[in-house]
Amino acid sequence: MRVFTIAALLLASAPGLPALAADGEDVYSSVCRKCHRTGIDDAPKAGDKAAWAPRVALGREALVKSVIDGKGAMDPRGGKPELTDEEIRAAVDYLLGLVK
């Protein structure tokens, strides 16, 4: 696994090669899970269709903007300023996939 990670990082940084797609589940597990697993600070629990319904109605881009800008107790970029917009979109897509 470690060799794969190193190889993936090298490939992702090589000029002329497309960047590897962000893995929404990984971003969720490493950043978002701490609040969205338990519902701390009114974060909607992952997979809770009723809690996510009004958010789903806002649309994907509005949710992505909420993560980028921060909302309620959630700091901008989920408290991880190094998250790229692509990683944020992937995490939002992952969370939305849990309630479809």
PDB file of N, CA and C in Angstrom:
ATOM      1  N   MET A   1       0.826  -1.191   0.000  1.00  0.00           N
ATOM      2  CA  MET A   1       0.000   0.000   0.000  1.00  0.00           C
ATOM      3  C   MET A   1       0.869   1.254   0.000  1.00  0.00           C
ATOM      4  N   ARG A   2       1.941   1.252   0.768  1.00  0.00           N
ATOM      5  CA  ARG A   2       2.800   2.419   0.848  1.00  0.00           C
ATOM      6  C   ARG A   2       3.455   2.717  -0.501  1.00  0.00           C
ATOM      7  N   VAL A   3       3.871   1.682  -1.213  1.00  0.00           N
ATOM      8  CA  VAL A   3       4.476   1.872  -2.528  1.00  0.00           C
ATOM      9  C   VAL A   3       3.468   2.508  -3.472  1.00  0.00           C
ATOM     10  N   PHE A   4       2.217   2.045  -3.418  1.00  0.00           N
ATOM     11  CA  PHE A   4       1.177   2.614  -4.264  1.00  0.00           C
ATOM     12  C   PHE A   4       0.984   4.093  -3.957  1.00  0.00           C
ATOM     13  N   THR A   5       0.949   4.445  -2.675  1.00  0.00           N
ATOM     14  CA  THR A   5       0.749   5.844  -2.285  1.00  0.00           C
ATOM     15  C   THR A   5       1.874   6.717  -2.813  1.00  0.00           C
ATOM     16  N   ILE A   6       3.097   6.278  -2.661  1.00  0.00           N
ATOM     17  CA  ILE A   6       4.247   7.045  -3.155  1.00  0.00           C
ATOM     18  C   ILE A   6       4.177   7.169  -4.665  1.00  0.00           C
ATOM     19  N   ALA A   7       3.872   6.066  -5.345  1.00  0.00           N
ATOM     20  CA  ALA A   7       3.770   6.098  -6.813  1.00  0.00           C
ATOM     21  C   ALA A   7       2.646   7.033  -7.246  1.00  0.00           C
ATOM     22  N   ALA A   8       1.530   7.002  -6.552  1.00  0.00           N
ATOM     23  CA  ALA A   8       0.404   7.873  -6.910  1.00  0.00           C
ATOM     24  C   ALA A   8       0.780   9.339  -6.731  1.00  0.00           C
ATOM     25  N   LEU A   9       1.487   9.650  -5.665  1.00  0.00           N
ATOM     26  CA  LEU A   9       1.919  11.032  -5.450  1.00  0.00           C
ATOM     27  C   LEU A   9       2.884  11.492  -6.532  1.00  0.00           C
ATOM     28  N   LEU A  10       3.788  10.627  -6.906  1.00  0.00           N
ATOM     29  CA  LEU A  10       4.733  10.974  -7.968  1.00  0.00           C
ATOM     30  C   LEU A  10       4.021  11.186  -9.296  1.00  0.00           C
ATOM     31  N   LEU A  11       3.101  10.305  -9.615  1.00  0.00           N
ATOM     32  CA  LEU A  11       2.357  10.439 -10.871  1.00  0.00           C
ATOM     33  C   LEU A  11       1.492  11.688 -10.872  1.00  0.00           C
ATOM     34  N   ALA A  12       0.879  11.984  -9.734  1.00  0.00           N
ATOM     35  CA  ALA A  12      -0.002  13.146  -9.656  1.00  0.00           C
ATOM     36  C   ALA A  12       0.769  14.444  -9.837  1.00  0.00           C
ATOM     37  N   SER A  13       2.038  14.450  -9.467  1.00  0.00           N
ATOM     38  CA  SER A  13       2.811  15.680  -9.574  1.00  0.00           C
ATOM     39  C   SER A  13       3.612  15.766 -10.870  1.00  0.00           C
ATOM     40  N   ALA A  14       3.552  14.734 -11.690  1.00  0.00           N
ATOM     41  CA  ALA A  14       4.305  14.742 -12.945  1.00  0.00           C
ATOM     42  C   ALA A  14       3.654  15.686 -13.947  1.00  0.00           C
ATOM     43  N   PRO A  15       4.439  16.552 -14.581  1.00  0.00           N
ATOM     44  CA  PRO A  15       3.868  17.478 -15.558  1.00  0.00           C
ATOM     45  C   PRO A  15       3.279  16.733 -16.749  1.00  0.00           C
ATOM     46  N   GLY A  16       2.171  17.253 -17.239  1.00  0.00           N
ATOM     47  CA  GLY A  16       1.557  16.660 -18.424  1.00  0.00           C
ATOM     48  C   GLY A  16       0.625  15.509 -18.143  1.00  0.00           C
ATOM     49  N   LEU A  17       0.589  15.033 -16.914  1.00  0.00           N
ATOM     50  CA  LEU A  17      -0.311  13.935 -16.574  1.00  0.00           C
ATOM     51  C   LEU A  17      -1.518  14.493 -15.828  1.00  0.00           C
ATOM     52  N   PRO A  18      -2.703  13.935 -16.069  1.00  0.00           N
ATOM     53  CA  PRO A  18      -3.887  14.427 -15.354  1.00  0.00           C
ATOM     54  C   PRO A  18      -3.780  14.106 -13.875  1.00  0.00           C
ATOM     55  N   ALA A  19      -4.328  14.973 -13.032  1.00  0.00           N
ATOM     56  CA  ALA A  19      -4.330  14.739 -11.591  1.00  0.00           C
ATOM     57  C   ALA A  19      -5.267  13.577 -11.269  1.00  0.00           C
ATOM     58  N   LEU A  20      -4.932  12.853 -10.232  1.00  0.00           N
ATOM     59  CA  LEU A  20      -5.795  11.764  -9.782  1.00  0.00           C
ATOM     60  C   LEU A  20      -7.057  12.364  -9.170  1.00  0.00           C
ATOM     61  N   ALA A  21      -8.166  11.716  -9.408  1.00  0.00           N
ATOM     62  CA  ALA A  21      -9.437  12.202  -8.875  1.00  0.00           C
ATOM     63  C   ALA A  21      -9.437  12.071  -7.352  1.00  0.00           C
ATOM     64  N   ALA A  22     -10.017  13.031  -6.701  1.00  0.00           N
ATOM     65  CA  ALA A  22     -10.132  12.994  -5.249  1.00  0.00           C
ATOM     66  C   ALA A  22     -11.089  11.883  -4.848  1.00  0.00           C
ATOM     67  N   ASP A  23     -10.822  11.245  -3.743  1.00  0.00           N
ATOM     68  CA  ASP A  23     -11.673  10.185  -3.232  1.00  0.00           C
ATOM     69  C   ASP A  23     -12.531  10.758  -2.105  1.00  0.00           C
ATOM     70  N   GLY A  24     -13.811  10.925  -2.382  1.00  0.00           N
ATOM     71  CA  GLY A  24     -14.724  11.533  -1.419  1.00  0.00           C
ATOM     72  C   GLY A  24     -14.821  10.786  -0.113  1.00  0.00           C
ATOM     73  N   GLU A  25     -14.784   9.472  -0.171  1.00  0.00           N
ATOM     74  CA  GLU A  25     -14.862   8.688   1.064  1.00  0.00           C
ATOM     75  C   GLU A  25     -13.623   8.924   1.921  1.00  0.00           C
ATOM     76  N   ASP A  26     -12.460   9.018   1.300  1.00  0.00           N
ATOM     77  CA  ASP A  26     -11.235   9.294   2.054  1.00  0.00           C
ATOM     78  C   ASP A  26     -11.287  10.671   2.702  1.00  0.00           C
ATOM     79  N   VAL A  27     -11.758  11.673   1.947  1.00  0.00           N
ATOM     80  CA  VAL A  27     -11.869  13.031   2.507  1.00  0.00           C
ATOM     81  C   VAL A  27     -12.868  13.016   3.658  1.00  0.00           C
ATOM     82  N   TYR A  28     -14.006  12.377   3.457  1.00  0.00           N
ATOM     83  CA  TYR A  28     -15.001  12.269   4.526  1.00  0.00           C
ATOM     84  C   TYR A  28     -14.380  11.621   5.761  1.00  0.00           C
ATOM     85  N   SER A  29     -13.710  10.491   5.574  1.00  0.00           N
ATOM     86  CA  SER A  29     -13.142   9.754   6.708  1.00  0.00           C
ATOM     87  C   SER A  29     -12.084  10.543   7.463  1.00  0.00           C
ATOM     88  N   SER A  30     -11.299  11.326   6.740  1.00  0.00           N
ATOM     89  CA  SER A  30     -10.205  12.035   7.393  1.00  0.00           C
ATOM     90  C   SER A  30     -10.583  13.428   7.905  1.00  0.00           C
ATOM     91  N   VAL A  31     -11.639  14.037   7.359  1.00  0.00           N
ATOM     92  CA  VAL A  31     -11.965  15.410   7.743  1.00  0.00           C
ATOM     93  C   VAL A  31     -13.400  15.542   8.261  1.00  0.00           C
ATOM     94  N   CYS A  32     -14.348  15.059   7.513  1.00  0.00           N
ATOM     95  CA  CYS A  32     -15.764  15.336   7.780  1.00  0.00           C
ATOM     96  C   CYS A  32     -16.387  14.419   8.829  1.00  0.00           C
ATOM     97  N   ARG A  33     -15.873  13.233   8.925  1.00  0.00           N
ATOM     98  CA  ARG A  33     -16.479  12.195   9.751  1.00  0.00           C
ATOM     99  C   ARG A  33     -16.613  12.602  11.217  1.00  0.00           C
ATOM    100  N   LYS A  34     -15.631  13.335  11.723  1.00  0.00           N
ATOM    101  CA  LYS A  34     -15.631  13.663  13.155  1.00  0.00           C
ATOM    102  C   LYS A  34     -16.934  14.342  13.591  1.00  0.00           C
ATOM    103  N   CYS A  35     -17.541  15.114  12.713  1.00  0.00           N
ATOM    104  CA  CYS A  35     -18.807  15.778  13.063  1.00  0.00           C
ATOM    105  C   CYS A  35     -20.017  15.103  12.427  1.00  0.00           C
ATOM    106  N   HIS A  36     -19.874  14.669  11.183  1.00  0.00           N
ATOM    107  CA  HIS A  36     -21.028  14.120  10.468  1.00  0.00           C
ATOM    108  C   HIS A  36     -21.350  12.670  10.841  1.00  0.00           C
ATOM    109  N   ARG A  37     -20.489  12.005  11.572  1.00  0.00           N
ATOM    110  CA  ARG A  37     -20.794  10.652  12.041  1.00  0.00           C
ATOM    111  C   ARG A  37     -21.731  10.723  13.231  1.00  0.00           C
ATOM    112  N   THR A  38     -21.511  11.711  14.097  1.00  0.00           N
ATOM    113  CA  THR A  38     -22.272  11.789  15.345  1.00  0.00           C
ATOM    114  C   THR A  38     -23.327  12.891  15.361  1.00  0.00           C
ATOM    115  N   GLY A  39     -23.202  13.864  14.472  1.00  0.00           N
ATOM    116  CA  GLY A  39     -24.138  14.982  14.462  1.00  0.00           C
ATOM    117  C   GLY A  39     -23.745  16.091  15.419  1.00  0.00           C
ATOM    118  N   ILE A  40     -22.499  16.112  15.831  1.00  0.00           N
ATOM    119  CA  ILE A  40     -22.015  17.141  16.752  1.00  0.00           C
ATOM    120  C   ILE A  40     -22.231  18.532  16.149  1.00  0.00           C
ATOM    121  N   ASP A  41     -22.555  19.494  16.994  1.00  0.00           N
ATOM    122  CA  ASP A  41     -22.775  20.885  16.569  1.00  0.00           C
ATOM    123  C   ASP A  41     -23.795  21.006  15.440  1.00  0.00           C
ATOM    124  N   ASP A  42     -24.817  20.187  15.492  1.00  0.00           N
ATOM    125  CA  ASP A  42     -25.916  20.200  14.521  1.00  0.00           C
ATOM    126  C   ASP A  42     -25.508  19.805  13.102  1.00  0.00           C
ATOM    127  N   ALA A  43     -24.361  19.156  12.951  1.00  0.00           N
ATOM    128  CA  ALA A  43     -23.982  18.640  11.626  1.00  0.00           C
ATOM    129  C   ALA A  43     -24.949  17.515  11.272  1.00  0.00           C
ATOM    130  N   PRO A  44     -25.494  17.520  10.055  1.00  0.00           N
ATOM    131  CA  PRO A  44     -26.388  16.412   9.693  1.00  0.00           C
ATOM    132  C   PRO A  44     -25.599  15.108   9.635  1.00  0.00           C
ATOM    133  N   LYS A  45     -26.131  14.076  10.257  1.00  0.00           N
ATOM    134  CA  LYS A  45     -25.441  12.780  10.284  1.00  0.00           C
ATOM    135  C   LYS A  45     -25.375  12.192   8.877  1.00  0.00           C
ATOM    136  N   ALA A  46     -24.241  11.627   8.570  1.00  0.00           N
ATOM    137  CA  ALA A  46     -24.064  10.953   7.288  1.00  0.00           C
ATOM    138  C   ALA A  46     -25.113   9.857   7.148  1.00  0.00           C
ATOM    139  N   GLY A  47     -25.811   9.856   6.030  1.00  0.00           N
ATOM    140  CA  GLY A  47     -26.810   8.831   5.754  1.00  0.00           C
ATOM    141  C   GLY A  47     -28.203   9.130   6.279  1.00  0.00           C
ATOM    142  N   ASP A  48     -28.384  10.194   7.034  1.00  0.00           N
ATOM    143  CA  ASP A  48     -29.694  10.548   7.594  1.00  0.00           C
ATOM    144  C   ASP A  48     -30.493  11.322   6.537  1.00  0.00           C
ATOM    145  N   LYS A  49     -31.350  10.604   5.842  1.00  0.00           N
ATOM    146  CA  LYS A  49     -32.089  11.202   4.717  1.00  0.00           C
ATOM    147  C   LYS A  49     -32.927  12.406   5.138  1.00  0.00           C
ATOM    148  N   ALA A  50     -33.576  12.326   6.286  1.00  0.00           N
ATOM    149  CA  ALA A  50     -34.425  13.431   6.728  1.00  0.00           C
ATOM    150  C   ALA A  50     -33.590  14.683   7.011  1.00  0.00           C
ATOM    151  N   ALA A  51     -32.461  14.510   7.655  1.00  0.00           N
ATOM    152  CA  ALA A  51     -31.608  15.658   7.978  1.00  0.00           C
ATOM    153  C   ALA A  51     -31.003  16.281   6.723  1.00  0.00           C
ATOM    154  N   TRP A  52     -30.721  15.455   5.734  1.00  0.00           N
ATOM    155  CA  TRP A  52     -30.081  15.954   4.512  1.00  0.00           C
ATOM    156  C   TRP A  52     -31.080  16.475   3.486  1.00  0.00           C
ATOM    157  N   ALA A  53     -32.364  16.128   3.602  1.00  0.00           N
ATOM    158  CA  ALA A  53     -33.350  16.507   2.582  1.00  0.00           C
ATOM    159  C   ALA A  53     -33.358  17.998   2.267  1.00  0.00           C
ATOM    160  N   PRO A  54     -33.413  18.894   3.265  1.00  0.00           N
ATOM    161  CA  PRO A  54     -33.407  20.319   2.914  1.00  0.00           C
ATOM    162  C   PRO A  54     -32.086  20.769   2.300  1.00  0.00           C
ATOM    163  N   ARG A  55     -31.019  20.098   2.639  1.00  0.00           N
ATOM    164  CA  ARG A  55     -29.715  20.441   2.077  1.00  0.00           C
ATOM    165  C   ARG A  55     -29.604  19.947   0.638  1.00  0.00           C
ATOM    166  N   VAL A  56     -30.115  18.749   0.391  1.00  0.00           N
ATOM    167  CA  VAL A  56     -30.133  18.203  -0.969  1.00  0.00           C
ATOM    168  C   VAL A  56     -30.928  19.136  -1.879  1.00  0.00           C
ATOM    169  N   ALA A  57     -32.022  19.677  -1.343  1.00  0.00           N
ATOM    170  CA  ALA A  57     -32.866  20.582  -2.132  1.00  0.00           C
ATOM    171  C   ALA A  57     -32.113  21.848  -2.556  1.00  0.00           C
ATOM    172  N   LEU A  58     -31.102  22.235  -1.807  1.00  0.00           N
ATOM    173  CA  LEU A  58     -30.300  23.415  -2.164  1.00  0.00           C
ATOM    174  C   LEU A  58     -29.436  23.177  -3.398  1.00  0.00           C
ATOM    175  N   GLY A  59     -29.071  21.924  -3.624  1.00  0.00           N
ATOM    176  CA  GLY A  59     -28.231  21.575  -4.756  1.00  0.00           C
ATOM    177  C   GLY A  59     -26.767  21.414  -4.378  1.00  0.00           C
ATOM    178  N   ARG A  60     -26.086  20.658  -5.182  1.00  0.00           N
ATOM    179  CA  ARG A  60     -24.687  20.309  -4.935  1.00  0.00           C
ATOM    180  C   ARG A  60     -23.794  21.537  -4.803  1.00  0.00           C
ATOM    181  N   GLU A  61     -23.897  22.470  -5.726  1.00  0.00           N
ATOM    182  CA  GLU A  61     -22.984  23.620  -5.700  1.00  0.00           C
ATOM    183  C   GLU A  61     -23.190  24.495  -4.474  1.00  0.00           C
ATOM    184  N   ALA A  62     -24.421  24.602  -4.000  1.00  0.00           N
ATOM    185  CA  ALA A  62     -24.675  25.366  -2.774  1.00  0.00           C
ATOM    186  C   ALA A  62     -24.021  24.673  -1.577  1.00  0.00           C
ATOM    187  N   LEU A  63     -24.063  23.351  -1.554  1.00  0.00           N
ATOM    188  CA  LEU A  63     -23.428  22.606  -0.473  1.00  0.00           C
ATOM    189  C   LEU A  63     -21.911  22.748  -0.536  1.00  0.00           C
ATOM    190  N   VAL A  64     -21.368  22.668  -1.736  1.00  0.00           N
ATOM    191  CA  VAL A  64     -19.926  22.841  -1.900  1.00  0.00           C
ATOM    192  C   VAL A  64     -19.520  24.231  -1.407  1.00  0.00           C
ATOM    193  N   LYS A  65     -20.290  25.241  -1.774  1.00  0.00           N
ATOM    194  CA  LYS A  65     -20.003  26.620  -1.338  1.00  0.00           C
ATOM    195  C   LYS A  65     -20.067  26.728   0.182  1.00  0.00           C
ATOM    196  N   SER A  66     -21.025  26.038   0.812  1.00  0.00           N
ATOM    197  CA  SER A  66     -21.128  26.054   2.267  1.00  0.00           C
ATOM    198  C   SER A  66     -19.874  25.484   2.921  1.00  0.00           C
ATOM    199  N   VAL A  67     -19.333  24.436   2.324  1.00  0.00           N
ATOM    200  CA  VAL A  67     -18.108  23.841   2.877  1.00  0.00           C
ATOM    201  C   VAL A  67     -16.930  24.787   2.665  1.00  0.00           C
ATOM    202  N   ILE A  68     -16.829  25.336   1.472  1.00  0.00           N
ATOM    203  CA  ILE A  68     -15.709  26.242   1.171  1.00  0.00           C
ATOM    204  C   ILE A  68     -15.749  27.466   2.088  1.00  0.00           C
ATOM    205  N   ASP A  69     -16.926  28.059   2.262  1.00  0.00           N
ATOM    206  CA  ASP A  69     -17.068  29.291   3.047  1.00  0.00           C
ATOM    207  C   ASP A  69     -17.202  29.039   4.546  1.00  0.00           C
ATOM    208  N   GLY A  70     -17.653  27.840   4.908  1.00  0.00           N
ATOM    209  CA  GLY A  70     -17.962  27.537   6.300  1.00  0.00           C
ATOM    210  C   GLY A  70     -19.427  27.844   6.581  1.00  0.00           C
ATOM    211  N   LYS A  71     -19.997  27.123   7.529  1.00  0.00           N
ATOM    212  CA  LYS A  71     -21.406  27.342   7.855  1.00  0.00           C
ATOM    213  C   LYS A  71     -21.650  26.849   9.276  1.00  0.00           C
ATOM    214  N   GLY A  72     -22.323  27.667  10.068  1.00  0.00           N
ATOM    215  CA  GLY A  72     -22.579  27.286  11.456  1.00  0.00           C
ATOM    216  C   GLY A  72     -21.270  27.033  12.178  1.00  0.00           C
ATOM    217  N   ALA A  73     -21.170  25.893  12.828  1.00  0.00           N
ATOM    218  CA  ALA A  73     -19.954  25.548  13.566  1.00  0.00           C
ATOM    219  C   ALA A  73     -18.840  25.020  12.654  1.00  0.00           C
ATOM    220  N   MET A  74     -19.168  24.779  11.383  1.00  0.00           N
ATOM    221  CA  MET A  74     -18.160  24.244  10.456  1.00  0.00           C
ATOM    222  C   MET A  74     -17.280  25.381   9.938  1.00  0.00           C
ATOM    223  N   ASP A  75     -16.004  25.259  10.197  1.00  0.00           N
ATOM    224  CA  ASP A  75     -15.042  26.231   9.692  1.00  0.00           C
ATOM    225  C   ASP A  75     -14.937  26.123   8.175  1.00  0.00           C
ATOM    226  N   PRO A  76     -14.467  27.189   7.513  1.00  0.00           N
ATOM    227  CA  PRO A  76     -14.238  27.103   6.065  1.00  0.00           C
ATOM    228  C   PRO A  76     -13.376  25.883   5.727  1.00  0.00           C
ATOM    229  N   ARG A  77     -13.742  25.246   4.643  1.00  0.00           N
ATOM    230  CA  ARG A  77     -13.055  24.053   4.152  1.00  0.00           C
ATOM    231  C   ARG A  77     -12.996  22.945   5.205  1.00  0.00           C
ATOM    232  N   GLY A  78     -14.047  22.895   6.028  1.00  0.00           N
ATOM    233  CA  GLY A  78     -14.132  21.850   7.048  1.00  0.00           C
ATOM    234  C   GLY A  78     -13.015  21.919   8.074  1.00  0.00           C
ATOM    235  N   GLY A  79     -12.392  23.093   8.194  1.00  0.00           N
ATOM    236  CA  GLY A  79     -11.292  23.253   9.138  1.00  0.00           C
ATOM    237  C   GLY A  79      -9.948  22.802   8.591  1.00  0.00           C
ATOM    238  N   LYS A  80      -9.913  22.424   7.328  1.00  0.00           N
ATOM    239  CA  LYS A  80      -8.669  21.984   6.674  1.00  0.00           C
ATOM    240  C   LYS A  80      -8.420  22.871   5.464  1.00  0.00           C
ATOM    241  N   PRO A  81      -7.744  24.008   5.645  1.00  0.00           N
ATOM    242  CA  PRO A  81      -7.563  24.955   4.537  1.00  0.00           C
ATOM    243  C   PRO A  81      -6.844  24.367   3.327  1.00  0.00           C
ATOM    244  N   GLU A  82      -6.126  23.284   3.525  1.00  0.00           N
ATOM    245  CA  GLU A  82      -5.400  22.671   2.409  1.00  0.00           C
ATOM    246  C   GLU A  82      -6.288  21.837   1.477  1.00  0.00           C
ATOM    247  N   LEU A  83      -7.550  21.611   1.852  1.00  0.00           N
ATOM    248  CA  LEU A  83      -8.449  20.859   0.975  1.00  0.00           C
ATOM    249  C   LEU A  83      -8.681  21.640  -0.319  1.00  0.00           C
ATOM    250  N   THR A  84      -8.577  20.947  -1.426  1.00  0.00           N
ATOM    251  CA  THR A  84      -8.847  21.577  -2.715  1.00  0.00           C
ATOM    252  C   THR A  84     -10.352  21.592  -2.969  1.00  0.00           C
ATOM    253  N   ASP A  85     -10.771  22.424  -3.899  1.00  0.00           N
ATOM    254  CA  ASP A  85     -12.194  22.434  -4.280  1.00  0.00           C
ATOM    255  C   ASP A  85     -12.611  21.063  -4.784  1.00  0.00           C
ATOM    256  N   GLU A  86     -11.729  20.390  -5.507  1.00  0.00           N
ATOM    257  CA  GLU A  86     -12.043  19.057  -6.027  1.00  0.00           C
ATOM    258  C   GLU A  86     -12.266  18.067  -4.882  1.00  0.00           C
ATOM    259  N   GLU A  87     -11.447  18.129  -3.859  1.00  0.00           N
ATOM    260  CA  GLU A  87     -11.615  17.236  -2.710  1.00  0.00           C
ATOM    261  C   GLU A  87     -12.920  17.537  -1.980  1.00  0.00           C
ATOM    262  N   ILE A  88     -13.250  18.807  -1.869  1.00  0.00           N
ATOM    263  CA  ILE A  88     -14.508  19.189  -1.222  1.00  0.00           C
ATOM    264  C   ILE A  88     -15.688  18.681  -2.033  1.00  0.00           C
ATOM    265  N   ARG A  89     -15.652  18.855  -3.342  1.00  0.00           N
ATOM    266  CA  ARG A  89     -16.739  18.345  -4.196  1.00  0.00           C
ATOM    267  C   ARG A  89     -16.877  16.831  -4.050  1.00  0.00           C
ATOM    268  N   ALA A  90     -15.743  16.135  -4.001  1.00  0.00           N
ATOM    269  CA  ALA A  90     -15.772  14.674  -3.866  1.00  0.00           C
ATOM    270  C   ALA A  90     -16.406  14.268  -2.537  1.00  0.00           C
ATOM    271  N   ALA A  91     -16.083  14.978  -1.459  1.00  0.00           N
ATOM    272  CA  ALA A  91     -16.669  14.659  -0.157  1.00  0.00           C
ATOM    273  C   ALA A  91     -18.165  14.949  -0.148  1.00  0.00           C
ATOM    274  N   VAL A  92     -18.571  16.070  -0.742  1.00  0.00           N
ATOM    275  CA  VAL A  92     -19.999  16.395  -0.845  1.00  0.00           C
ATOM    276  C   VAL A  92     -20.710  15.317  -1.654  1.00  0.00           C
ATOM    277  N   ASP A  93     -20.128  14.910  -2.765  1.00  0.00           N
ATOM    278  CA  ASP A  93     -20.731  13.847  -3.579  1.00  0.00           C
ATOM    279  C   ASP A  93     -20.861  12.552  -2.794  1.00  0.00           C
ATOM    280  N   TYR A  94     -19.848  12.237  -2.010  1.00  0.00           N
ATOM    281  CA  TYR A  94     -19.892  11.017  -1.189  1.00  0.00           C
ATOM    282  C   TYR A  94     -21.051  11.108  -0.194  1.00  0.00           C
ATOM    283  N   LEU A  95     -21.154  12.235   0.522  1.00  0.00           N
ATOM    284  CA  LEU A  95     -22.225  12.389   1.501  1.00  0.00           C
ATOM    285  C   LEU A  95     -23.598  12.369   0.840  1.00  0.00           C
ATOM    286  N   LEU A  96     -23.718  13.018  -0.311  1.00  0.00           N
ATOM    287  CA  LEU A  96     -25.004  12.990  -1.026  1.00  0.00           C
ATOM    288  C   LEU A  96     -25.352  11.571  -1.484  1.00  0.00           C
ATOM    289  N   GLY A  97     -24.348  10.814  -1.875  1.00  0.00           N
ATOM    290  CA  GLY A  97     -24.574   9.436  -2.297  1.00  0.00           C
ATOM    291  C   GLY A  97     -25.124   8.562  -1.185  1.00  0.00           C
ATOM    292  N   LEU A  98     -24.819   8.917   0.057  1.00  0.00           N
ATOM    293  CA  LEU A  98     -25.313   8.137   1.199  1.00  0.00           C
ATOM    294  C   LEU A  98     -26.792   8.342   1.458  1.00  0.00           C
ATOM    295  N   VAL A  99     -27.372   9.407   0.900  1.00  0.00           N
ATOM    296  CA  VAL A  99     -28.793   9.683   1.175  1.00  0.00           C
ATOM    297  C   VAL A  99     -29.667   9.540  -0.068  1.00  0.00           C
ATOM    298  N   LYS A 100     -29.136   9.012  -1.118  1.00  0.00           N
ATOM    299  CA  LYS A 100     -29.954   8.805  -2.336  1.00  0.00           C
ATOM    300  C   LYS A 100     -30.622   7.458  -2.301  1.00  0.00           C
TER     301      LYS A 100
END
